[in-house]
Every structure is written in C-alpha cells, then in structure tokens.
Amino acid sequence: MSSSDYILIKAEEDGVHVIGLTRGTDTKFHHSEKLDNGEVMIAQFTEHTSAMKIRGKASIHSANGIIQSDSKK
C-alpha cells in the first residue's frame, strides 16, 4: 500500500467518532474509535476497510487534501 492510503483525523471537539466500514457485498460497521479535542488518529484503508464515517467536528487530512467535518451538535 502507498502512503496515499493513510488519512489523518484530528478532533476539534470532544466525542468525535471514527467508524470503519467493511468491504464486500454487505457493508457493516467493524470498528469504532472516539476521539477527544486535540487527539489525532492515523487510519488506513485495507482489504477489510473500504470506508470511514466521521461524526463530529474534525479536520481530515488525506492525499486529496484537507476537509473539515461539522460539529455533531
């Protein structure tokens, strides 16, 4: 895998949820993390993870650029 397969998620409020979704014919939740303000998570897409859902205010950095998610409040 190349370095473009990694994303960095920085929480900008307490309680940001990062949820991994499975690959295949039936998409399911397979992993969840909760980040508090200032915490950073580095994640990677794999043969098991095809998508990620991020709930809460966070800054998401990838090879495609930076995007801000909105607050869950």
N, C-alpha and C. Protein backbone atom coordinates (compact mmCIF):
# COMPACT_ATOMS: atom_id res chain seq x y z
N MET A 1 0.83 -1.18 0.00
CA MET A 1 0.00 0.00 0.00
C MET A 1 0.87 1.24 0.00
N SER A 2 0.41 2.29 -0.64
CA SER A 2 1.17 3.53 -0.69
C SER A 2 0.76 4.46 0.43
N SER A 3 1.54 5.52 0.63
CA SER A 3 1.24 6.47 1.70
C SER A 3 -0.08 7.19 1.46
N SER A 4 -0.60 7.19 0.23
CA SER A 4 -1.88 7.85 -0.04
C SER A 4 -3.06 7.09 0.57
N ASP A 5 -2.82 5.86 1.04
CA ASP A 5 -3.88 5.08 1.65
C ASP A 5 -4.15 5.49 3.09
N TYR A 6 -3.34 6.39 3.64
CA TYR A 6 -3.49 6.84 5.02
C TYR A 6 -4.28 8.14 5.08
N ILE A 7 -5.08 8.28 6.14
CA ILE A 7 -5.70 9.57 6.42
C ILE A 7 -5.41 9.93 7.87
N LEU A 8 -5.38 11.21 8.15
CA LEU A 8 -5.16 11.70 9.49
C LEU A 8 -6.42 12.44 9.93
N ILE A 9 -6.92 12.11 11.11
CA ILE A 9 -8.13 12.73 11.64
C ILE A 9 -7.77 13.42 12.94
N LYS A 10 -7.99 14.73 13.00
CA LYS A 10 -7.73 15.49 14.22
C LYS A 10 -9.06 16.01 14.76
N ALA A 11 -9.40 15.58 15.98
CA ALA A 11 -10.64 16.00 16.62
C ALA A 11 -10.55 17.47 17.02
N GLU A 12 -11.60 18.21 16.73
CA GLU A 12 -11.67 19.62 17.09
C GLU A 12 -12.75 19.87 18.14
N GLU A 13 -13.27 18.80 18.71
CA GLU A 13 -14.19 18.85 19.85
C GLU A 13 -14.15 17.48 20.51
N ASP A 14 -14.64 17.39 21.74
CA ASP A 14 -14.72 16.10 22.43
C ASP A 14 -15.79 15.23 21.78
N GLY A 15 -15.54 13.93 21.75
CA GLY A 15 -16.55 12.98 21.31
C GLY A 15 -16.66 12.76 19.82
N VAL A 16 -15.60 13.00 19.06
CA VAL A 16 -15.62 12.72 17.62
C VAL A 16 -15.55 11.20 17.43
N HIS A 17 -16.45 10.66 16.64
CA HIS A 17 -16.48 9.22 16.37
C HIS A 17 -15.91 8.93 14.99
N VAL A 18 -15.02 7.94 14.92
CA VAL A 18 -14.48 7.44 13.66
C VAL A 18 -14.93 6.00 13.54
N ILE A 19 -15.67 5.69 12.48
CA ILE A 19 -16.26 4.36 12.32
C ILE A 19 -15.76 3.75 11.02
N GLY A 20 -15.18 2.57 11.10
CA GLY A 20 -14.72 1.84 9.92
C GLY A 20 -15.82 0.97 9.36
N LEU A 21 -15.96 0.96 8.04
CA LEU A 21 -16.97 0.15 7.37
C LEU A 21 -16.30 -0.93 6.53
N THR A 22 -16.89 -2.11 6.50
CA THR A 22 -16.29 -3.24 5.81
C THR A 22 -16.43 -3.15 4.30
N ARG A 23 -15.61 -3.90 3.64
CA ARG A 23 -15.63 -4.05 2.18
C ARG A 23 -16.44 -5.30 1.84
N GLY A 24 -17.08 -5.31 0.69
CA GLY A 24 -17.80 -6.50 0.26
C GLY A 24 -19.24 -6.21 -0.08
N THR A 25 -19.99 -7.28 -0.29
CA THR A 25 -21.39 -7.13 -0.73
C THR A 25 -22.28 -6.58 0.38
N ASP A 26 -21.97 -6.88 1.64
CA ASP A 26 -22.72 -6.35 2.78
C ASP A 26 -21.82 -5.42 3.57
N THR A 27 -22.05 -4.11 3.45
CA THR A 27 -21.26 -3.13 4.20
C THR A 27 -21.74 -3.11 5.65
N LYS A 28 -20.80 -3.29 6.59
CA LYS A 28 -21.13 -3.31 8.01
C LYS A 28 -20.10 -2.49 8.78
N PHE A 29 -20.50 -2.02 9.97
CA PHE A 29 -19.55 -1.38 10.87
C PHE A 29 -18.63 -2.45 11.43
N HIS A 30 -17.32 -2.20 11.45
CA HIS A 30 -16.44 -3.21 12.05
C HIS A 30 -15.51 -2.64 13.11
N HIS A 31 -15.40 -1.31 13.22
CA HIS A 31 -14.51 -0.74 14.22
C HIS A 31 -14.96 0.68 14.52
N SER A 32 -14.83 1.10 15.77
CA SER A 32 -15.21 2.45 16.15
C SER A 32 -14.21 2.99 17.16
N GLU A 33 -13.86 4.25 17.02
CA GLU A 33 -12.99 4.95 17.95
C GLU A 33 -13.65 6.26 18.33
N LYS A 34 -13.39 6.71 19.54
CA LYS A 34 -13.89 8.01 20.00
C LYS A 34 -12.68 8.88 20.32
N LEU A 35 -12.63 10.06 19.71
CA LEU A 35 -11.53 10.99 19.93
C LEU A 35 -12.02 12.21 20.70
N ASP A 36 -11.17 12.73 21.57
CA ASP A 36 -11.46 13.98 22.26
C ASP A 36 -10.67 15.11 21.63
N ASN A 37 -11.05 16.33 21.95
CA ASN A 37 -10.45 17.53 21.36
C ASN A 37 -8.92 17.46 21.36
N GLY A 38 -8.34 17.66 20.20
CA GLY A 38 -6.89 17.66 20.05
C GLY A 38 -6.28 16.30 19.76
N GLU A 39 -7.02 15.24 19.97
CA GLU A 39 -6.48 13.91 19.68
C GLU A 39 -6.40 13.68 18.18
N VAL A 40 -5.40 12.92 17.77
CA VAL A 40 -5.16 12.63 16.36
C VAL A 40 -5.16 11.12 16.16
N MET A 41 -5.81 10.69 15.09
CA MET A 41 -5.80 9.28 14.71
C MET A 41 -5.30 9.18 13.29
N ILE A 42 -4.38 8.26 13.04
CA ILE A 42 -3.92 7.97 11.69
C ILE A 42 -4.54 6.64 11.30
N ALA A 43 -5.28 6.64 10.19
CA ALA A 43 -6.02 5.45 9.78
C ALA A 43 -5.62 5.06 8.36
N GLN A 44 -5.88 3.81 8.01
CA GLN A 44 -5.51 3.30 6.70
C GLN A 44 -6.65 2.45 6.14
N PHE A 45 -6.90 2.62 4.86
CA PHE A 45 -7.84 1.74 4.17
C PHE A 45 -7.12 0.42 3.89
N THR A 46 -7.80 -0.69 4.12
CA THR A 46 -7.20 -2.02 3.97
C THR A 46 -8.12 -2.92 3.16
N GLU A 47 -7.76 -4.19 3.09
CA GLU A 47 -8.62 -5.15 2.38
C GLU A 47 -9.94 -5.35 3.14
N HIS A 48 -9.99 -4.96 4.42
CA HIS A 48 -11.22 -5.10 5.20
C HIS A 48 -11.99 -3.78 5.33
N THR A 49 -11.29 -2.65 5.26
CA THR A 49 -11.92 -1.34 5.44
C THR A 49 -12.03 -0.61 4.11
N SER A 50 -13.27 -0.37 3.68
CA SER A 50 -13.48 0.31 2.40
C SER A 50 -13.93 1.75 2.58
N ALA A 51 -14.42 2.09 3.78
CA ALA A 51 -14.92 3.45 4.02
C ALA A 51 -14.82 3.77 5.50
N MET A 52 -14.82 5.07 5.79
CA MET A 52 -14.83 5.54 7.18
C MET A 52 -15.89 6.62 7.32
N LYS A 53 -16.57 6.59 8.44
CA LYS A 53 -17.56 7.61 8.75
C LYS A 53 -17.01 8.39 9.94
N ILE A 54 -17.03 9.72 9.82
CA ILE A 54 -16.53 10.57 10.89
C ILE A 54 -17.65 11.47 11.35
N ARG A 55 -18.01 11.37 12.62
CA ARG A 55 -19.12 12.12 13.19
C ARG A 55 -18.56 13.07 14.25
N GLY A 56 -18.76 14.38 14.04
CA GLY A 56 -18.27 15.39 14.95
C GLY A 56 -17.30 16.33 14.23
N LYS A 57 -16.91 17.39 14.90
CA LYS A 57 -16.04 18.41 14.30
C LYS A 57 -14.61 17.90 14.28
N ALA A 58 -14.08 17.74 13.06
CA ALA A 58 -12.73 17.22 12.90
C ALA A 58 -12.12 17.76 11.62
N SER A 59 -10.81 17.71 11.57
CA SER A 59 -10.04 18.05 10.38
C SER A 59 -9.51 16.73 9.82
N ILE A 60 -9.81 16.45 8.55
CA ILE A 60 -9.41 15.19 7.93
C ILE A 60 -8.40 15.50 6.83
N HIS A 61 -7.20 14.94 6.96
CA HIS A 61 -6.12 15.18 6.02
C HIS A 61 -5.86 13.90 5.22
N SER A 62 -5.81 14.02 3.89
CA SER A 62 -5.52 12.87 3.04
C SER A 62 -4.68 13.33 1.86
N ALA A 63 -4.32 12.40 1.00
CA ALA A 63 -3.58 12.74 -0.21
C ALA A 63 -4.38 13.64 -1.12
N ASN A 64 -5.70 13.68 -0.94
CA ASN A 64 -6.59 14.52 -1.75
C ASN A 64 -6.79 15.90 -1.18
N GLY A 65 -6.24 16.18 -0.01
CA GLY A 65 -6.36 17.50 0.60
C GLY A 65 -6.90 17.42 2.01
N ILE A 66 -7.43 18.55 2.48
CA ILE A 66 -7.95 18.67 3.84
C ILE A 66 -9.43 19.06 3.76
N ILE A 67 -10.23 18.42 4.58
CA ILE A 67 -11.65 18.77 4.67
C ILE A 67 -12.02 18.85 6.15
N GLN A 68 -12.97 19.71 6.46
CA GLN A 68 -13.48 19.87 7.82
C GLN A 68 -14.85 19.22 7.90
N SER A 69 -15.07 18.42 8.93
CA SER A 69 -16.42 17.93 9.18
C SER A 69 -17.08 18.86 10.18
N ASP A 70 -18.40 18.91 10.16
CA ASP A 70 -19.15 19.81 11.02
C ASP A 70 -19.35 19.21 12.41
N SER A 71 -19.68 20.07 13.35
CA SER A 71 -19.95 19.65 14.71
C SER A 71 -21.18 18.76 14.74
N LYS A 72 -21.20 17.81 15.65
CA LYS A 72 -22.37 16.93 15.78
C LYS A 72 -23.48 17.60 16.57
N LYS A 73 -23.19 18.77 17.13
CA LYS A 73 -24.19 19.47 17.96
C LYS A 73 -25.09 20.31 17.13
